[in-house]
Amino acid sequence: MGFYEDIAQALDTEGIESRVNDDMLFVPIAPELEIHFQQIEQTSTTAGINSANVFMAKGELDEVAGIEEFEDTLVGVVFSVEAAVAVVAQYIATDQCITVLHDLLEGTDDRISDLEFEQDLIEPMLVRAEVGNGSLITVMLGSGTDEPEATVTFVTFGEEYDELVAQAEAELDSDETLSDFEREVMYQNVLEDAAEMTQEVLELGTFTDFDQLFDALAVAQVQATEWEELLVPLEDEFDYYDDEFEDDEFDDEDEVAAEDED
């Protein structure tokens, strides 16, 4: 039981509840999710080596009767207290991210009640909502550092975007050799290419405080139209600095020439 006690003490230091029952350490993550540690029995060969199988246990939540049964799935093995705590922290972070994901998709927070987030078809932890005049707010949720975080960006598209899409639509509609499926795939590719060519991205930050995340989304929703007007293509900024550099360079050359004449 020494290994369990060490893990439980380390978890308690992090403010994480755990309990030992039937030779297994139980760590509740959410009402329908637990992490179970089952210590691997030592043999003459492995004497003194602490290790434990790690199980993810999901239960079906019944609002009336409570959780009826958990089903264990082996997801890993740990060989130290530190590894066990890291596993628990990772699952807690992931669960918090999923909770925020649901809040975004369902609009449960009043600050984002007017935003309609949609989940990306390929990356499930990425959501987008339209704001302003066709711009997007994107939220990418993750827990790579054992701490849940959300990265927020504001994406707007240049004036040429609609022109490129309209031109592509006309060409695809006029091509009678394409099937509906082929036309749809090509159209999606056009949308991605047009967005890549014309989009301007404003990074709004990475948040570990999810209350602050919803504050940022509320501000972004209000400021969207103003940001659309203020965002300038980077090449325009570079052109400005290039012009300034060239002017300074010519001024320096004029000064050198004047000194030589003197």
Protein backbone atom coordinates (compact mmCIF):
# COMPACT_ATOMS: atom_id res chain seq x y z
CA MET A 1 0.00 0.00 0.00
CA GLY A 2 3.01 2.28 0.27
CA PHE A 3 2.90 3.27 -3.42
CA TYR A 4 -0.80 4.13 -3.19
CA GLU A 5 -0.23 6.22 -0.07
CA ASP A 6 2.59 8.15 -1.72
CA ILE A 7 0.43 8.87 -4.78
CA ALA A 8 -2.55 9.85 -2.63
CA GLN A 9 -0.39 12.21 -0.57
CA ALA A 10 1.04 13.84 -3.69
CA LEU A 11 -2.45 14.25 -5.15
CA ASP A 12 -3.72 15.71 -1.88
CA THR A 13 -0.91 18.28 -2.02
CA GLU A 14 -2.31 19.33 -5.43
CA GLY A 15 -5.82 19.52 -3.99
CA ILE A 16 -6.96 16.36 -5.79
CA GLU A 17 -9.21 13.86 -4.02
CA SER A 18 -8.49 10.12 -4.10
CA ARG A 19 -9.48 6.98 -2.24
CA VAL A 20 -8.28 3.38 -1.94
CA ASN A 21 -10.74 0.50 -2.21
CA ASP A 22 -10.35 -3.17 -3.14
CA ASP A 23 -6.60 -2.84 -3.71
CA MET A 24 -7.12 -0.01 -6.22
CA LEU A 25 -6.63 3.75 -6.04
CA PHE A 26 -9.60 5.74 -7.35
CA VAL A 27 -9.30 9.36 -8.52
CA PRO A 28 -12.57 11.07 -9.53
CA ILE A 29 -12.17 13.46 -12.48
CA ALA A 30 -15.82 14.20 -13.26
CA PRO A 31 -19.18 12.68 -12.22
CA GLU A 32 -18.92 10.17 -15.08
CA LEU A 33 -15.13 9.80 -15.26
CA GLU A 34 -12.51 8.34 -12.92
CA ILE A 35 -8.87 7.31 -13.12
CA HIS A 36 -8.00 4.01 -11.44
CA PHE A 37 -4.50 2.91 -10.44
CA GLN A 38 -3.89 -0.81 -9.92
CA GLN A 39 -0.49 -1.59 -8.45
CA ILE A 40 1.42 -4.28 -10.35
CA GLU A 41 2.42 -7.13 -8.05
CA GLN A 42 6.14 -7.38 -7.48
CA THR A 43 8.02 -10.61 -8.14
CA SER A 44 11.52 -11.74 -7.26
CA THR A 45 12.71 -10.12 -10.48
CA THR A 46 10.86 -6.81 -9.94
CA ALA A 47 11.27 -6.57 -6.17
CA GLY A 48 11.46 -2.93 -5.05
CA ILE A 49 10.08 -1.58 -8.34
CA ASN A 50 6.87 0.40 -7.91
CA SER A 51 4.52 0.37 -10.89
CA ALA A 52 0.79 0.57 -11.55
CA ASN A 53 -1.59 0.04 -14.43
CA VAL A 54 -3.67 3.13 -15.22
CA PHE A 55 -7.31 2.69 -16.16
CA MET A 56 -9.76 5.25 -17.45
CA ALA A 57 -13.19 4.43 -16.08
CA LYS A 58 -16.30 5.84 -17.72
CA GLY A 59 -19.74 5.54 -16.22
CA GLU A 60 -23.22 6.20 -17.53
CA LEU A 61 -24.76 9.11 -15.66
CA ASP A 62 -28.33 8.52 -14.55
CA GLU A 63 -29.81 11.71 -13.06
CA VAL A 64 -32.22 9.73 -10.90
CA ALA A 65 -30.24 6.69 -9.80
CA GLY A 66 -26.73 8.12 -10.17
CA ILE A 67 -23.88 6.34 -11.90
CA GLU A 68 -24.69 2.68 -12.25
CA GLU A 69 -21.40 1.19 -13.37
CA PHE A 70 -17.88 2.15 -14.44
CA GLU A 71 -16.10 0.34 -17.24
CA ASP A 72 -12.28 0.25 -16.98
CA THR A 73 -10.03 0.71 -20.01
CA LEU A 74 -6.26 0.34 -19.71
CA VAL A 75 -4.65 3.59 -20.91
CA GLY A 76 -1.12 3.47 -19.48
CA VAL A 77 1.38 2.42 -16.86
CA VAL A 78 3.23 4.56 -14.32
CA PHE A 79 6.47 3.84 -12.49
CA SER A 80 6.66 6.81 -10.12
CA VAL A 81 4.53 9.09 -8.01
CA GLU A 82 5.37 12.01 -10.29
CA ALA A 83 4.14 10.11 -13.35
CA ALA A 84 0.89 9.22 -11.60
CA VAL A 85 0.22 12.84 -10.65
CA ALA A 86 1.01 13.95 -14.22
CA VAL A 87 -1.49 11.47 -15.64
CA VAL A 88 -4.23 12.73 -13.34
CA ALA A 89 -3.39 16.36 -14.12
CA GLN A 90 -3.60 15.65 -17.85
CA TYR A 91 -7.06 14.10 -17.56
CA ILE A 92 -8.31 16.92 -15.35
CA ALA A 93 -7.05 19.47 -17.88
CA THR A 94 -8.68 17.58 -20.76
CA ASP A 95 -11.98 17.37 -18.87
CA GLN A 96 -11.90 21.11 -18.20
CA CYS A 97 -11.26 21.77 -21.89
CA ILE A 98 -14.22 19.58 -22.86
CA THR A 99 -16.42 21.46 -20.38
CA VAL A 100 -15.43 24.79 -21.92
CA LEU A 101 -15.95 23.33 -25.40
CA HIS A 102 -19.54 22.45 -24.50
CA ASP A 103 -20.07 25.92 -23.01
CA LEU A 104 -18.90 27.51 -26.26
CA LEU A 105 -21.00 25.28 -28.52
CA GLU A 106 -24.13 25.62 -26.38
CA GLY A 107 -23.66 29.33 -25.55
CA THR A 108 -24.28 28.76 -21.85
CA ASP A 109 -22.43 31.92 -20.78
CA ASP A 110 -24.39 35.17 -21.18
CA ARG A 111 -21.28 36.93 -22.49
CA ILE A 112 -21.32 34.79 -25.64
CA SER A 113 -25.06 34.23 -25.99
CA ASP A 114 -25.06 36.02 -29.36
CA LEU A 115 -22.17 33.96 -30.75
CA GLU A 116 -22.87 30.69 -32.56
CA PHE A 117 -19.76 28.54 -32.40
CA GLU A 118 -19.36 25.57 -34.71
CA GLN A 119 -16.98 22.67 -34.20
CA ASP A 120 -14.28 21.96 -36.77
CA LEU A 121 -14.92 18.71 -38.65
CA ILE A 122 -11.28 17.57 -38.43
CA GLU A 123 -9.99 19.15 -35.19
CA PRO A 124 -12.67 18.60 -32.50
CA MET A 125 -11.09 21.04 -30.04
CA LEU A 126 -11.27 23.92 -32.54
CA VAL A 127 -14.42 26.06 -32.79
CA ARG A 128 -15.33 29.12 -34.88
CA ALA A 129 -18.01 31.80 -34.75
CA GLU A 130 -18.89 34.50 -37.28
CA VAL A 131 -18.62 38.12 -36.14
CA GLY A 132 -18.69 41.53 -37.80
CA ASN A 133 -19.07 41.47 -41.56
CA GLY A 134 -18.09 37.87 -42.23
CA SER A 135 -15.03 37.65 -39.98
CA LEU A 136 -14.34 34.76 -37.60
CA ILE A 137 -13.35 34.24 -34.00
CA THR A 138 -11.53 30.94 -33.52
CA VAL A 139 -10.88 29.20 -30.22
CA MET A 140 -8.39 26.34 -30.00
CA LEU A 141 -8.56 24.38 -26.76
CA GLY A 142 -5.66 22.27 -25.52
CA SER A 143 -3.94 20.82 -22.48
CA GLY A 144 -0.45 20.02 -23.70
CA THR A 145 1.22 21.46 -20.59
CA ASP A 146 -1.05 19.68 -18.08
CA GLU A 147 -2.86 23.02 -17.73
CA PRO A 148 -5.96 23.69 -19.83
CA GLU A 149 -5.65 26.65 -22.16
CA ALA A 150 -7.48 28.33 -25.01
CA THR A 151 -5.86 30.24 -27.88
CA VAL A 152 -8.10 32.87 -29.48
CA THR A 153 -7.66 34.54 -32.88
CA PHE A 154 -9.68 37.03 -34.88
CA VAL A 155 -9.64 36.33 -38.62
CA THR A 156 -10.92 38.72 -41.26
CA PHE A 157 -10.79 38.47 -45.04
CA GLY A 158 -9.74 41.00 -47.66
CA GLU A 159 -11.98 42.54 -50.30
CA GLU A 160 -10.69 40.08 -52.90
CA TYR A 161 -12.07 37.08 -51.00
CA ASP A 162 -15.65 37.43 -52.26
CA GLU A 163 -14.41 38.08 -55.81
CA LEU A 164 -12.25 34.94 -55.82
CA VAL A 165 -15.07 32.80 -54.42
CA ALA A 166 -17.63 34.20 -56.88
CA GLN A 167 -15.29 33.58 -59.81
CA ALA A 168 -14.66 30.00 -58.68
CA GLU A 169 -18.38 29.36 -58.19
CA ALA A 170 -19.12 30.49 -61.73
CA GLU A 171 -16.40 28.25 -63.16
CA LEU A 172 -17.50 25.21 -61.14
CA ASP A 173 -21.17 25.68 -62.00
CA SER A 174 -20.37 25.90 -65.71
CA ASP A 175 -18.32 22.67 -65.69
CA GLU A 176 -20.89 19.97 -66.45
CA THR A 177 -18.30 17.17 -66.30
CA LEU A 178 -18.07 17.41 -62.49
CA SER A 179 -20.18 15.33 -60.14
CA ASP A 180 -21.88 17.00 -57.18
CA PHE A 181 -19.29 15.44 -54.86
CA GLU A 182 -16.34 16.62 -56.96
CA ARG A 183 -17.85 20.10 -57.23
CA GLU A 184 -18.29 20.30 -53.44
CA VAL A 185 -14.72 19.14 -52.75
CA MET A 186 -13.29 21.63 -55.25
CA TYR A 187 -15.46 24.40 -53.79
CA GLN A 188 -14.17 23.72 -50.27
CA ASN A 189 -10.61 23.82 -51.59
CA VAL A 190 -11.35 27.16 -53.24
CA LEU A 191 -12.69 28.57 -49.99
CA GLU A 192 -9.53 27.48 -48.14
CA ASP A 193 -7.22 28.88 -50.82
CA ALA A 194 -9.10 32.18 -51.03
CA ALA A 195 -9.05 32.54 -47.26
CA GLU A 196 -5.32 31.77 -47.12
CA MET A 197 -4.59 34.39 -49.78
CA THR A 198 -6.67 37.22 -48.30
CA GLN A 199 -7.01 36.62 -44.55
CA GLU A 200 -5.61 38.88 -41.86
CA VAL A 201 -5.14 37.36 -38.39
CA LEU A 202 -5.18 39.21 -35.07
CA GLU A 203 -3.88 37.13 -32.16
CA LEU A 204 -6.00 37.76 -29.06
CA GLY A 205 -3.91 35.62 -26.72
CA THR A 206 -3.75 32.28 -24.93
CA PHE A 207 -5.86 32.00 -21.79
CA THR A 208 -5.56 29.65 -18.83
CA ASP A 209 -8.20 31.64 -16.95
CA PHE A 210 -11.40 30.62 -18.73
CA ASP A 211 -13.43 33.41 -17.12
CA GLN A 212 -11.04 35.83 -18.80
CA LEU A 213 -11.50 33.84 -22.02
CA PHE A 214 -15.21 34.63 -22.07
CA ASP A 215 -14.42 38.29 -21.31
CA ALA A 216 -12.11 38.36 -24.34
CA LEU A 217 -14.76 36.78 -26.56
CA ALA A 218 -17.31 39.37 -25.44
CA VAL A 219 -14.92 42.20 -26.33
CA ALA A 220 -14.05 40.59 -29.67
CA GLN A 221 -17.71 40.37 -30.59
CA VAL A 222 -18.22 44.10 -29.96
CA GLN A 223 -14.96 45.21 -31.58
CA ALA A 224 -15.17 43.00 -34.69
CA THR A 225 -16.28 45.65 -37.20
CA GLU A 226 -13.69 48.15 -35.97
CA TRP A 227 -10.91 45.57 -36.16
CA GLU A 228 -11.97 44.76 -39.72
CA GLU A 229 -11.30 48.37 -40.67
CA LEU A 230 -8.06 48.68 -38.69
CA LEU A 231 -6.32 45.50 -39.85
CA VAL A 232 -3.82 46.29 -42.60
CA PRO A 233 -2.16 43.63 -44.78
CA LEU A 234 1.40 43.01 -43.61
CA GLU A 235 2.81 43.66 -47.08
CA ASP A 236 1.41 47.21 -46.87
CA GLU A 237 3.28 47.73 -43.61
CA PHE A 238 6.48 46.38 -45.11
CA ASP A 239 6.03 48.68 -48.13
CA TYR A 240 5.75 51.62 -45.75
CA TYR A 241 8.95 50.74 -43.93
CA ASP A 242 10.72 50.04 -47.21
CA ASP A 243 9.78 53.52 -48.43
CA GLU A 244 11.02 55.06 -45.20
CA PHE A 245 14.28 53.12 -45.45
CA GLU A 246 14.82 54.19 -49.04
CA ASP A 247 14.15 57.85 -48.19
CA ASP A 248 16.62 57.72 -45.30
CA GLU A 249 19.17 56.00 -47.52
CA PHE A 250 18.87 58.75 -50.16
CA ASP A 251 19.14 61.44 -47.47
CA ASP A 252 22.35 59.85 -46.18
CA GLU A 253 23.77 59.69 -49.71
CA ASP A 254 22.95 63.37 -50.26
CA GLU A 255 24.72 64.28 -47.01
CA VAL A 256 27.83 62.31 -48.01
CA ALA A 257 27.87 63.93 -51.43
CA ALA A 258 27.58 67.39 -49.88
CA GLU A 259 30.47 66.67 -47.52
CA ASP A 260 32.63 65.50 -50.44
CA GLU A 261 31.93 68.75 -52.34
CA ASP A 262 33.01 70.74 -49.30
